[in-house]
């Protein structure tokens, strides 16, 4: 695997879904199998540790959802690519799951993980960024300088409906496959799935 330099990748704080979209759509990960993982639950409340935006020491954040990527390396196995994490980049997926979603923190939040093939995520994500607007129309966080997923270079959406909030709904069976924490830990070490 070629080294992936985090500092050279497109990144905008608070837009994890777009950071992953840019990574999977534009960065050459060679022949590696890739996935996008959307983490949320029925209450739309997830706890993550080891996040740059989190509290000092533990890096704890409380989000409605989070998105990270996975790639498979023939020697190292499945690796997490999370531009918001303070863990190594890329990070062995079992370590990432254990340190970002430890069972003792997660029991009350029961995260669900929607795992989508990287190409499906890169081609199918459409977001109008409305989830990042306040009621008065102002931004909760500055938007990225690139067009929103599913938009033309001029910034207008392709006419396809925004799917981001649908994909964060873990009650939906598709796209992809939804795992609980134990299922995701098994996926982390099962390179044949």
Protein backbone atom coordinates (compact mmCIF):
# COMPACT_ATOMS: atom_id res chain seq x y z
CA UNK A 1 0.00 0.00 0.00
CA UNK A 2 1.23 3.47 -0.87
CA UNK A 3 1.43 5.83 2.06
CA UNK A 4 -1.62 8.06 2.40
CA UNK A 5 -0.74 11.51 3.66
CA UNK A 6 -3.62 12.87 5.76
CA UNK A 7 -2.39 16.45 5.37
CA UNK A 8 -2.69 16.22 1.57
CA UNK A 9 -6.35 15.14 1.58
CA UNK A 10 -9.33 17.46 1.23
CA UNK A 11 -10.74 18.20 4.67
CA UNK A 12 -13.41 20.45 6.18
CA UNK A 13 -14.19 20.21 9.89
CA UNK A 14 -17.76 19.08 10.69
CA UNK A 15 -18.32 17.67 7.19
CA UNK A 16 -17.12 14.08 7.73
CA UNK A 17 -19.48 12.70 5.07
CA UNK A 18 -17.97 15.00 2.44
CA UNK A 19 -14.40 14.33 3.56
CA UNK A 20 -15.02 10.60 3.05
CA UNK A 21 -16.80 11.28 -0.26
CA UNK A 22 -13.79 13.26 -1.52
CA UNK A 23 -11.40 10.56 -0.31
CA UNK A 24 -13.29 7.70 -1.97
CA UNK A 25 -14.16 9.58 -5.17
CA UNK A 26 -10.88 11.34 -5.77
CA UNK A 27 -7.99 9.63 -4.02
CA UNK A 28 -6.32 6.67 -5.64
CA UNK A 29 -6.41 3.83 -3.16
CA UNK A 30 -5.13 1.47 -5.83
CA UNK A 31 -6.77 -1.93 -6.01
CA UNK A 32 -7.92 -1.74 -2.40
CA UNK A 33 -11.49 -2.65 -1.55
CA UNK A 34 -13.10 0.37 0.11
CA UNK A 35 -16.17 1.13 2.15
CA UNK A 36 -17.83 4.15 3.71
CA UNK A 37 -19.25 3.66 7.21
CA UNK A 38 -22.05 5.83 8.58
CA UNK A 39 -22.42 5.57 12.36
CA UNK A 40 -25.68 6.55 14.03
CA UNK A 41 -28.65 4.92 15.80
CA UNK A 42 -32.42 5.27 16.20
CA UNK A 43 -32.00 8.17 18.65
CA UNK A 44 -29.39 9.80 16.39
CA UNK A 45 -26.99 10.05 19.31
CA UNK A 46 -23.57 8.46 19.12
CA UNK A 47 -20.52 8.83 21.32
CA UNK A 48 -17.06 8.65 19.78
CA UNK A 49 -13.68 8.87 21.46
CA UNK A 50 -10.32 9.88 20.00
CA UNK A 51 -11.78 12.73 17.92
CA UNK A 52 -9.93 16.01 17.31
CA UNK A 53 -13.10 18.03 17.99
CA UNK A 54 -13.68 16.21 21.28
CA UNK A 55 -12.96 16.91 24.91
CA UNK A 56 -9.35 17.06 26.09
CA UNK A 57 -7.66 13.74 26.91
CA UNK A 58 -10.35 11.28 25.67
CA UNK A 59 -11.45 13.22 22.58
CA UNK A 60 -15.10 12.48 23.40
CA UNK A 61 -17.74 13.87 21.04
CA UNK A 62 -21.52 13.42 20.99
CA UNK A 63 -22.81 13.57 17.41
CA UNK A 64 -25.99 12.67 15.56
CA UNK A 65 -23.84 10.67 13.10
CA UNK A 66 -20.27 10.21 11.92
CA UNK A 67 -18.73 8.90 8.70
CA UNK A 68 -15.35 7.26 8.16
CA UNK A 69 -13.84 5.10 5.42
CA UNK A 70 -12.30 1.64 5.35
CA UNK A 71 -9.79 0.19 2.94
CA UNK A 72 -8.26 -3.26 2.74
CA UNK A 73 -4.51 -3.70 2.59
CA UNK A 74 -3.24 -7.18 1.60
CA UNK A 75 -0.74 -7.20 4.48
CA UNK A 76 -2.39 -5.12 7.20
CA UNK A 77 -6.03 -6.13 6.62
CA UNK A 78 -8.86 -3.65 7.01
CA UNK A 79 -7.82 -0.11 7.90
CA UNK A 80 -9.94 2.81 9.14
CA UNK A 81 -9.48 6.16 7.43
CA UNK A 82 -10.94 8.79 9.76
CA UNK A 83 -9.73 12.32 9.11
CA UNK A 84 -11.32 13.46 12.39
CA UNK A 85 -9.52 10.93 14.61
CA UNK A 86 -6.30 11.37 16.57
CA UNK A 87 -5.48 7.68 15.97
CA UNK A 88 -2.89 6.77 13.31
CA UNK A 89 -3.97 7.32 9.72
CA UNK A 90 -4.73 4.77 8.44
CA UNK A 91 -5.48 2.79 11.60
CA UNK A 92 -6.02 -0.98 11.89
CA UNK A 93 -9.81 -1.29 11.94
CA UNK A 94 -10.04 -3.50 15.06
CA UNK A 95 -8.02 -0.92 17.03
CA UNK A 96 -10.11 1.92 15.63
CA UNK A 97 -13.38 0.21 16.66
CA UNK A 98 -12.05 -0.64 20.14
CA UNK A 99 -10.69 2.84 20.87
CA UNK A 100 -13.35 4.94 19.15
CA UNK A 101 -16.40 2.91 20.23
CA UNK A 102 -15.35 1.14 23.46
CA UNK A 103 -18.09 -1.17 24.80
CA UNK A 104 -18.15 0.40 28.26
CA UNK A 105 -19.03 3.80 26.73
CA UNK A 106 -21.33 2.47 24.03
CA UNK A 107 -23.81 0.36 25.98
CA UNK A 108 -26.18 3.30 26.51
CA UNK A 109 -25.90 4.59 22.93
CA UNK A 110 -25.95 1.33 20.89
CA UNK A 111 -24.25 2.60 17.73
CA UNK A 112 -25.19 1.11 14.38
CA UNK A 113 -22.79 1.02 11.46
CA UNK A 114 -24.07 1.29 7.87
CA UNK A 115 -21.31 -0.15 5.67
CA UNK A 116 -21.52 0.80 1.99
CA UNK A 117 -19.12 -0.22 -0.79
CA UNK A 118 -16.87 2.77 -1.49
CA UNK A 119 -17.92 3.18 -5.12
CA UNK A 120 -21.62 3.16 -4.22
CA UNK A 121 -21.04 5.84 -1.57
CA UNK A 122 -18.86 7.98 -3.86
CA UNK A 123 -21.35 7.86 -6.74
CA UNK A 124 -24.57 7.91 -4.71
CA UNK A 125 -24.05 10.52 -2.00
CA UNK A 126 -26.15 13.63 -2.57
CA UNK A 127 -26.26 16.32 0.10
CA UNK A 128 -27.79 19.77 -0.03
CA UNK A 129 -25.97 20.60 3.25
CA UNK A 130 -29.29 21.69 4.80
CA UNK A 131 -28.47 19.71 7.96
CA UNK A 132 -25.69 22.24 8.59
CA UNK A 133 -27.98 25.29 8.49
CA UNK A 134 -29.61 27.01 11.44
CA UNK A 135 -33.29 28.03 11.25
CA UNK A 136 -32.21 31.53 10.18
CA UNK A 137 -30.23 30.07 7.24
CA UNK A 138 -26.76 30.75 8.67
CA UNK A 139 -24.17 27.98 8.76
CA UNK A 140 -23.48 25.97 11.93
CA UNK A 141 -19.95 25.51 10.54
CA UNK A 142 -18.43 26.97 7.36
CA UNK A 143 -19.13 24.75 4.32
CA UNK A 144 -16.33 23.21 2.26
CA UNK A 145 -15.00 25.17 -0.72
CA UNK A 146 -15.97 22.39 -3.17
CA UNK A 147 -19.47 21.78 -4.57
CA UNK A 148 -21.75 19.64 -2.40
CA UNK A 149 -21.97 15.92 -3.30
CA UNK A 150 -24.37 15.57 -6.21
CA UNK A 151 -23.94 19.21 -7.26
CA UNK A 152 -22.48 20.61 -10.44
CA UNK A 153 -19.33 22.72 -10.41
CA UNK A 154 -21.67 25.74 -10.26
CA UNK A 155 -23.11 24.37 -7.01
CA UNK A 156 -26.65 23.45 -8.05
CA UNK A 157 -27.87 19.96 -7.20
CA UNK A 158 -28.29 17.45 -10.02
CA UNK A 159 -32.00 17.10 -9.38
CA UNK A 160 -31.44 13.96 -7.32
CA UNK A 161 -32.88 14.13 -3.79
CA UNK A 162 -30.49 14.53 -0.87
CA UNK A 163 -29.84 11.05 0.57
CA UNK A 164 -27.49 11.82 3.45
CA UNK A 165 -30.14 11.96 6.18
CA UNK A 166 -31.84 8.85 4.76
CA UNK A 167 -28.54 6.96 4.96
CA UNK A 168 -28.09 7.98 8.62
CA UNK A 169 -31.47 6.35 9.39
CA UNK A 170 -30.37 2.97 10.75
CA UNK A 171 -33.93 1.66 10.55
CA UNK A 172 -33.59 1.55 6.74
CA UNK A 173 -32.30 -1.75 5.39
CA UNK A 174 -30.45 -0.27 2.45
CA UNK A 175 -28.14 0.81 1.04
CA UNK A 176 -25.33 -1.32 2.36
CA UNK A 177 -25.48 -3.50 5.42
CA UNK A 178 -26.15 -2.35 9.00
CA UNK A 179 -24.16 -3.86 11.89
CA UNK A 180 -24.28 -3.46 15.65
CA UNK A 181 -20.96 -2.96 17.47
CA UNK A 182 -20.27 -6.71 17.73
CA UNK A 183 -21.04 -7.19 14.03
CA UNK A 184 -18.77 -4.30 13.12
CA UNK A 185 -15.96 -5.75 15.25
CA UNK A 186 -16.39 -9.04 13.36
CA UNK A 187 -16.37 -7.19 10.02
CA UNK A 188 -13.11 -5.51 11.12
CA UNK A 189 -11.26 -8.81 11.20
CA UNK A 190 -13.13 -10.72 8.48
CA UNK A 191 -11.40 -9.84 5.21
CA UNK A 192 -13.65 -12.28 3.33
CA UNK A 193 -16.99 -10.53 3.93
